[in-house]
Amino acid sequence: FTIHDLPKPERPRERLQKFGPEALSAQ
């Protein structure tokens, strides 16, 4: 599994930009 396997809106970088760091897991 890689980040590129995720749909673009669900990738960590995009979620970080849209929702902030609180929306991401520590991993």
PDB file of all heavy atoms in Angstrom:
ATOM      1  N   PHE A   1       0.827  -1.204   0.000  1.00  0.00           N
ATOM      2  CA  PHE A   1       0.000   0.000   0.000  1.00  0.00           C
ATOM      3  C   PHE A   1       0.861   1.254   0.000  1.00  0.00           C
ATOM      4  O   PHE A   1       1.812   1.364   0.758  1.00  0.00           O
ATOM      5  CB  PHE A   1      -0.900  -0.007   1.239  1.00  0.00           C
ATOM      6  CG  PHE A   1      -1.642   1.282   1.459  1.00  0.00           C
ATOM      7  CD1 PHE A   1      -2.765   1.588   0.717  1.00  0.00           C
ATOM      8  CD2 PHE A   1      -1.205   2.199   2.398  1.00  0.00           C
ATOM      9  CE1 PHE A   1      -3.442   2.776   0.921  1.00  0.00           C
ATOM     10  CE2 PHE A   1      -1.878   3.384   2.606  1.00  0.00           C
ATOM     11  CZ  PHE A   1      -2.996   3.671   1.859  1.00  0.00           C
ATOM     12  N   THR A   2       0.539   2.169  -0.883  1.00  0.00           N
ATOM     13  CA  THR A   2       1.211   3.463  -0.891  1.00  0.00           C
ATOM     14  C   THR A   2       0.164   4.561  -0.853  1.00  0.00           C
ATOM     15  O   THR A   2      -1.021   4.327  -1.109  1.00  0.00           O
ATOM     16  CB  THR A   2       2.095   3.660  -2.147  1.00  0.00           C
ATOM     17  OG1 THR A   2       1.248   3.795  -3.296  1.00  0.00           O
ATOM     18  CG2 THR A   2       3.057   2.505  -2.345  1.00  0.00           C
ATOM     19  N   ILE A   3       0.607   5.761  -0.566  1.00  0.00           N
ATOM     20  CA  ILE A   3      -0.294   6.919  -0.540  1.00  0.00           C
ATOM     21  C   ILE A   3      -0.944   7.113  -1.904  1.00  0.00           C
ATOM     22  O   ILE A   3      -2.103   7.503  -2.000  1.00  0.00           O
ATOM     23  CB  ILE A   3       0.467   8.176  -0.073  1.00  0.00           C
ATOM     24  CG1 ILE A   3       0.779   8.033   1.423  1.00  0.00           C
ATOM     25  CG2 ILE A   3      -0.326   9.445  -0.355  1.00  0.00           C
ATOM     26  CD1 ILE A   3       1.650   9.112   2.001  1.00  0.00           C
ATOM     27  N   HIS A   4      -0.216   6.791  -2.961  1.00  0.00           N
ATOM     28  CA  HIS A   4      -0.755   6.978  -4.312  1.00  0.00           C
ATOM     29  C   HIS A   4      -1.889   6.010  -4.640  1.00  0.00           C
ATOM     30  O   HIS A   4      -2.587   6.188  -5.637  1.00  0.00           O
ATOM     31  CB  HIS A   4       0.362   6.893  -5.344  1.00  0.00           C
ATOM     32  CG  HIS A   4       1.359   7.993  -5.186  1.00  0.00           C
ATOM     33  ND1 HIS A   4       1.089   9.302  -5.506  1.00  0.00           N
ATOM     34  CD2 HIS A   4       2.618   7.986  -4.690  1.00  0.00           C
ATOM     35  CE1 HIS A   4       2.144  10.046  -5.225  1.00  0.00           C
ATOM     36  NE2 HIS A   4       3.086   9.282  -4.727  1.00  0.00           N
ATOM     37  N   ASP A   5      -2.091   4.992  -3.792  1.00  0.00           N
ATOM     38  CA  ASP A   5      -3.218   4.077  -3.974  1.00  0.00           C
ATOM     39  C   ASP A   5      -4.538   4.719  -3.543  1.00  0.00           C
ATOM     40  O   ASP A   5      -5.601   4.234  -3.897  1.00  0.00           O
ATOM     41  CB  ASP A   5      -3.008   2.784  -3.175  1.00  0.00           C
ATOM     42  CG  ASP A   5      -1.864   1.950  -3.718  1.00  0.00           C
ATOM     43  OD1 ASP A   5      -1.618   1.987  -4.942  1.00  0.00           O
ATOM     44  OD2 ASP A   5      -1.208   1.262  -2.911  1.00  0.00           O
ATOM     45  N   LEU A   6      -4.458   5.782  -2.772  1.00  0.00           N
ATOM     46  CA  LEU A   6      -5.653   6.477  -2.303  1.00  0.00           C
ATOM     47  C   LEU A   6      -6.163   7.459  -3.351  1.00  0.00           C
ATOM     48  O   LEU A   6      -5.364   8.064  -4.076  1.00  0.00           O
ATOM     49  CB  LEU A   6      -5.328   7.276  -1.033  1.00  0.00           C
ATOM     50  CG  LEU A   6      -4.976   6.489   0.212  1.00  0.00           C
ATOM     51  CD1 LEU A   6      -4.452   7.440   1.285  1.00  0.00           C
ATOM     52  CD2 LEU A   6      -6.190   5.734   0.718  1.00  0.00           C
ATOM     53  N   PRO A   7      -7.481   7.674  -3.393  1.00  0.00           N
ATOM     54  CA  PRO A   7      -7.999   8.746  -4.260  1.00  0.00           C
ATOM     55  C   PRO A   7      -7.385  10.076  -3.800  1.00  0.00           C
ATOM     56  O   PRO A   7      -7.168  10.289  -2.600  1.00  0.00           O
ATOM     57  CB  PRO A   7      -9.502   8.725  -4.013  1.00  0.00           C
ATOM     58  CG  PRO A   7      -9.787   7.383  -3.424  1.00  0.00           C
ATOM     59  CD  PRO A   7      -8.545   6.961  -2.699  1.00  0.00           C
ATOM     60  N   LYS A   8      -7.092  10.958  -4.726  1.00  0.00           N
ATOM     61  CA  LYS A   8      -6.388  12.198  -4.399  1.00  0.00           C
ATOM     62  C   LYS A   8      -7.001  12.969  -3.224  1.00  0.00           C
ATOM     63  O   LYS A   8      -6.272  13.409  -2.339  1.00  0.00           O
ATOM     64  CB  LYS A   8      -6.262  13.091  -5.641  1.00  0.00           C
ATOM     65  CG  LYS A   8      -5.269  14.200  -5.424  1.00  0.00           C
ATOM     66  CD  LYS A   8      -4.795  14.826  -6.708  1.00  0.00           C
ATOM     67  CE  LYS A   8      -3.723  15.833  -6.351  1.00  0.00           C
ATOM     68  NZ  LYS A   8      -2.944  16.257  -7.458  1.00  0.00           N
ATOM     69  N   PRO A   9      -8.333  13.143  -3.137  1.00  0.00           N
ATOM     70  CA  PRO A   9      -8.886  13.905  -2.004  1.00  0.00           C
ATOM     71  C   PRO A   9      -8.682  13.232  -0.644  1.00  0.00           C
ATOM     72  O   PRO A   9      -8.799  13.868   0.392  1.00  0.00           O
ATOM     73  CB  PRO A   9     -10.377  14.012  -2.317  1.00  0.00           C
ATOM     74  CG  PRO A   9     -10.525  13.669  -3.751  1.00  0.00           C
ATOM     75  CD  PRO A   9      -9.358  12.802  -4.117  1.00  0.00           C
ATOM     76  N   GLU A  10      -8.383  11.928  -0.643  1.00  0.00           N
ATOM     77  CA  GLU A  10      -8.197  11.199   0.613  1.00  0.00           C
ATOM     78  C   GLU A  10      -6.733  11.087   1.024  1.00  0.00           C
ATOM     79  O   GLU A  10      -6.423  10.531   2.077  1.00  0.00           O
ATOM     80  CB  GLU A  10      -8.804   9.802   0.488  1.00  0.00           C
ATOM     81  CG  GLU A  10     -10.308   9.840   0.331  1.00  0.00           C
ATOM     82  CD  GLU A  10     -10.900   8.450   0.163  1.00  0.00           C
ATOM     83  OE1 GLU A  10     -10.283   7.468   0.607  1.00  0.00           O
ATOM     84  OE2 GLU A  10     -11.979   8.360  -0.428  1.00  0.00           O
ATOM     85  N   ARG A  11      -5.817  11.599   0.220  1.00  0.00           N
ATOM     86  CA  ARG A  11      -4.390  11.529   0.537  1.00  0.00           C
ATOM     87  C   ARG A  11      -4.057  12.484   1.681  1.00  0.00           C
ATOM     88  O   ARG A  11      -4.667  13.545   1.829  1.00  0.00           O
ATOM     89  CB  ARG A  11      -3.561  11.873  -0.693  1.00  0.00           C
ATOM     90  CG  ARG A  11      -3.707  10.839  -1.794  1.00  0.00           C
ATOM     91  CD  ARG A  11      -2.914  11.209  -3.012  1.00  0.00           C
ATOM     92  NE  ARG A  11      -3.185  10.254  -4.085  1.00  0.00           N
ATOM     93  CZ  ARG A  11      -2.737  10.370  -5.314  1.00  0.00           C
ATOM     94  NH1 ARG A  11      -1.966  11.389  -5.651  1.00  0.00           N
ATOM     95  NH2 ARG A  11      -3.038   9.465  -6.205  1.00  0.00           N
ATOM     96  N   PRO A  12      -3.090  12.097   2.516  1.00  0.00           N
ATOM     97  CA  PRO A  12      -2.757  12.917   3.691  1.00  0.00           C
ATOM     98  C   PRO A  12      -2.418  14.376   3.379  1.00  0.00           C
ATOM     99  O   PRO A  12      -2.889  15.271   4.081  1.00  0.00           O
ATOM    100  CB  PRO A  12      -1.554  12.186   4.296  1.00  0.00           C
ATOM    101  CG  PRO A  12      -1.739  10.768   3.887  1.00  0.00           C
ATOM    102  CD  PRO A  12      -2.345  10.841   2.512  1.00  0.00           C
ATOM    103  N   ARG A  13      -1.637  14.637   2.368  1.00  0.00           N
ATOM    104  CA  ARG A  13      -1.257  16.029   2.070  1.00  0.00           C
ATOM    105  C   ARG A  13      -2.477  16.879   1.735  1.00  0.00           C
ATOM    106  O   ARG A  13      -2.626  18.003   2.205  1.00  0.00           O
ATOM    107  CB  ARG A  13      -0.246  16.077   0.922  1.00  0.00           C
ATOM    108  CG  ARG A  13       0.326  17.451   0.680  1.00  0.00           C
ATOM    109  CD  ARG A  13       1.425  17.491  -0.371  1.00  0.00           C
ATOM    110  NE  ARG A  13       2.374  16.405  -0.307  1.00  0.00           N
ATOM    111  CZ  ARG A  13       3.415  16.328   0.518  1.00  0.00           C
ATOM    112  NH1 ARG A  13       3.647  17.305   1.351  1.00  0.00           N
ATOM    113  NH2 ARG A  13       4.226  15.294   0.500  1.00  0.00           N
ATOM    114  N   GLU A  14      -3.369  16.324   0.941  1.00  0.00           N
ATOM    115  CA  GLU A  14      -4.583  17.063   0.557  1.00  0.00           C
ATOM    116  C   GLU A  14      -5.492  17.258   1.764  1.00  0.00           C
ATOM    117  O   GLU A  14      -6.077  18.326   1.949  1.00  0.00           O
ATOM    118  CB  GLU A  14      -5.309  16.331  -0.562  1.00  0.00           C
ATOM    119  CG  GLU A  14      -4.655  16.484  -1.929  1.00  0.00           C
ATOM    120  CD  GLU A  14      -3.358  15.696  -2.125  1.00  0.00           C
ATOM    121  OE1 GLU A  14      -3.012  14.822  -1.283  1.00  0.00           O
ATOM    122  OE2 GLU A  14      -2.673  15.945  -3.133  1.00  0.00           O
ATOM    123  N   ARG A  15      -5.626  16.227   2.615  1.00  0.00           N
ATOM    124  CA  ARG A  15      -6.457  16.358   3.819  1.00  0.00           C
ATOM    125  C   ARG A  15      -5.836  17.346   4.805  1.00  0.00           C
ATOM    126  O   ARG A  15      -6.552  18.098   5.468  1.00  0.00           O
ATOM    127  CB  ARG A  15      -6.671  14.988   4.466  1.00  0.00           C
ATOM    128  CG  ARG A  15      -7.593  14.133   3.609  1.00  0.00           C
ATOM    129  CD  ARG A  15      -8.031  12.807   4.206  1.00  0.00           C
ATOM    130  NE  ARG A  15      -7.874  12.626   5.603  1.00  0.00           N
ATOM    131  CZ  ARG A  15      -6.978  11.806   6.170  1.00  0.00           C
ATOM    132  NH1 ARG A  15      -6.160  11.097   5.442  1.00  0.00           N
ATOM    133  NH2 ARG A  15      -6.921  11.691   7.476  1.00  0.00           N
ATOM    134  N   LEU A  16      -4.515  17.367   4.896  1.00  0.00           N
ATOM    135  CA  LEU A  16      -3.834  18.337   5.754  1.00  0.00           C
ATOM    136  C   LEU A  16      -4.147  19.761   5.304  1.00  0.00           C
ATOM    137  O   LEU A  16      -4.488  20.620   6.119  1.00  0.00           O
ATOM    138  CB  LEU A  16      -2.316  18.098   5.731  1.00  0.00           C
ATOM    139  CG  LEU A  16      -1.460  19.101   6.494  1.00  0.00           C
ATOM    140  CD1 LEU A  16      -1.733  19.025   7.987  1.00  0.00           C
ATOM    141  CD2 LEU A  16       0.015  18.834   6.210  1.00  0.00           C
ATOM    142  N   GLN A  17      -4.065  20.010   4.007  1.00  0.00           N
ATOM    143  CA  GLN A  17      -4.347  21.347   3.478  1.00  0.00           C
ATOM    144  C   GLN A  17      -5.803  21.749   3.696  1.00  0.00           C
ATOM    145  O   GLN A  17      -6.094  22.896   4.004  1.00  0.00           O
ATOM    146  CB  GLN A  17      -4.013  21.414   1.987  1.00  0.00           C
ATOM    147  CG  GLN A  17      -2.532  21.349   1.717  1.00  0.00           C
ATOM    148  CD  GLN A  17      -2.204  21.251   0.231  1.00  0.00           C
ATOM    149  OE1 GLN A  17      -3.036  20.858  -0.583  1.00  0.00           O
ATOM    150  NE2 GLN A  17      -0.979  21.603  -0.110  1.00  0.00           N
ATOM    151  N   LYS A  18      -6.708  20.784   3.554  1.00  0.00           N
ATOM    152  CA  LYS A  18      -8.132  21.107   3.641  1.00  0.00           C
ATOM    153  C   LYS A  18      -8.647  21.155   5.081  1.00  0.00           C
ATOM    154  O   LYS A  18      -9.445  22.027   5.428  1.00  0.00           O
ATOM    155  CB  LYS A  18      -8.941  20.086   2.838  1.00  0.00           C
ATOM    156  CG  LYS A  18     -10.400  20.436   2.722  1.00  0.00           C
ATOM    157  CD  LYS A  18     -11.111  19.549   1.722  1.00  0.00           C
ATOM    158  CE  LYS A  18     -12.541  20.003   1.545  1.00  0.00           C
ATOM    159  NZ  LYS A  18     -13.274  19.196   0.580  1.00  0.00           N
ATOM    160  N   PHE A  19      -8.187  20.221   5.947  1.00  0.00           N
ATOM    161  CA  PHE A  19      -8.774  20.081   7.280  1.00  0.00           C
ATOM    162  C   PHE A  19      -7.817  20.373   8.430  1.00  0.00           C
ATOM    163  O   PHE A  19      -8.231  20.422   9.585  1.00  0.00           O
ATOM    164  CB  PHE A  19      -9.333  18.666   7.464  1.00  0.00           C
ATOM    165  CG  PHE A  19     -10.362  18.276   6.432  1.00  0.00           C
ATOM    166  CD1 PHE A  19     -10.072  17.297   5.492  1.00  0.00           C
ATOM    167  CD2 PHE A  19     -11.603  18.880   6.393  1.00  0.00           C
ATOM    168  CE1 PHE A  19     -11.017  16.920   4.539  1.00  0.00           C
ATOM    169  CE2 PHE A  19     -12.553  18.510   5.447  1.00  0.00           C
ATOM    170  CZ  PHE A  19     -12.253  17.532   4.512  1.00  0.00           C
ATOM    171  N   GLY A  20      -6.527  20.521   8.143  1.00  0.00           N
ATOM    172  CA  GLY A  20      -5.549  20.766   9.193  1.00  0.00           C
ATOM    173  C   GLY A  20      -4.978  19.478   9.764  1.00  0.00           C
ATOM    174  O   GLY A  20      -5.468  18.388   9.486  1.00  0.00           O
ATOM    175  N   PRO A  21      -3.947  19.606  10.593  1.00  0.00           N
ATOM    176  CA  PRO A  21      -3.247  18.428  11.107  1.00  0.00           C
ATOM    177  C   PRO A  21      -4.105  17.546  12.016  1.00  0.00           C
ATOM    178  O   PRO A  21      -3.840  16.355  12.152  1.00  0.00           O
ATOM    179  CB  PRO A  21      -2.059  19.014  11.869  1.00  0.00           C
ATOM    180  CG  PRO A  21      -2.423  20.425  12.155  1.00  0.00           C
ATOM    181  CD  PRO A  21      -3.341  20.851  11.046  1.00  0.00           C
ATOM    182  N   GLU A  22      -5.139  18.097  12.613  1.00  0.00           N
ATOM    183  CA  GLU A  22      -5.999  17.319  13.499  1.00  0.00           C
ATOM    184  C   GLU A  22      -6.716  16.201  12.751  1.00  0.00           C
ATOM    185  O   GLU A  22      -7.150  15.226  13.360  1.00  0.00           O
ATOM    186  CB  GLU A  22      -7.042  18.216  14.182  1.00  0.00           C
ATOM    187  CG  GLU A  22      -6.460  19.349  14.993  1.00  0.00           C
ATOM    188  CD  GLU A  22      -6.042  20.562  14.156  1.00  0.00           C
ATOM    189  OE1 GLU A  22      -6.503  20.724  13.009  1.00  0.00           O
ATOM    190  OE2 GLU A  22      -5.230  21.344  14.667  1.00  0.00           O
ATOM    191  N   ALA A  23      -6.870  16.340  11.446  1.00  0.00           N
ATOM    192  CA  ALA A  23      -7.597  15.357  10.647  1.00  0.00           C
ATOM    193  C   ALA A  23      -6.736  14.148  10.276  1.00  0.00           C
ATOM    194  O   ALA A  23      -7.249  13.181   9.728  1.00  0.00           O
ATOM    195  CB  ALA A  23      -8.128  16.015   9.369  1.00  0.00           C
ATOM    196  N   LEU A  24      -5.441  14.184  10.587  1.00  0.00           N
ATOM    197  CA  LEU A  24      -4.536  13.112  10.206  1.00  0.00           C
ATOM    198  C   LEU A  24      -4.086  12.304  11.416  1.00  0.00           C
ATOM    199  O   LEU A  24      -3.982  12.832  12.524  1.00  0.00           O
ATOM    200  CB  LEU A  24      -3.299  13.688   9.509  1.00  0.00           C
ATOM    201  CG  LEU A  24      -3.441  13.972   8.015  1.00  0.00           C
ATOM    202  CD1 LEU A  24      -4.437  15.061   7.733  1.00  0.00           C
ATOM    203  CD2 LEU A  24      -2.096  14.321   7.424  1.00  0.00           C
ATOM    204  N   SER A  25      -3.810  11.045  11.166  1.00  0.00           N
ATOM    205  CA  SER A  25      -3.259  10.182  12.217  1.00  0.00           C
ATOM    206  C   SER A  25      -1.780  10.509  12.391  1.00  0.00           C
ATOM    207  O   SER A  25      -1.154  11.149  11.534  1.00  0.00           O
ATOM    208  CB  SER A  25      -3.418   8.709  11.818  1.00  0.00           C
ATOM    209  OG  SER A  25      -2.576   8.411  10.705  1.00  0.00           O
ATOM    210  N   ALA A  26      -1.203  10.038  13.479  1.00  0.00           N
ATOM    211  CA  ALA A  26       0.231  10.223  13.702  1.00  0.00           C
ATOM    212  C   ALA A  26       1.022   9.573  12.569  1.00  0.00           C
ATOM    213  O   ALA A  26       2.019  10.128  12.097  1.00  0.00           O
ATOM    214  CB  ALA A  26       0.630   9.633  15.047  1.00  0.00           C
ATOM    215  N   GLN A  27       0.579   8.431  12.102  1.00  0.00           N
ATOM    216  CA  GLN A  27       1.254   7.746  11.009  1.00  0.00           C
ATOM    217  C   GLN A  27       1.243   8.596   9.737  1.00  0.00           C
ATOM    218  O   GLN A  27       2.254   8.707   9.052  1.00  0.00           O
ATOM    219  CB  GLN A  27       0.597   6.390  10.740  1.00  0.00           C
ATOM    220  CG  GLN A  27       1.274   5.612   9.623  1.00  0.00           C
ATOM    221  CD  GLN A  27       0.578   4.299   9.310  1.00  0.00           C
ATOM    222  OE1 GLN A  27      -0.420   3.948   9.931  1.00  0.00           O
ATOM    223  NE2 GLN A  27       1.098   3.572   8.350  1.00  0.00           N
TER     224      GLN A  27
END
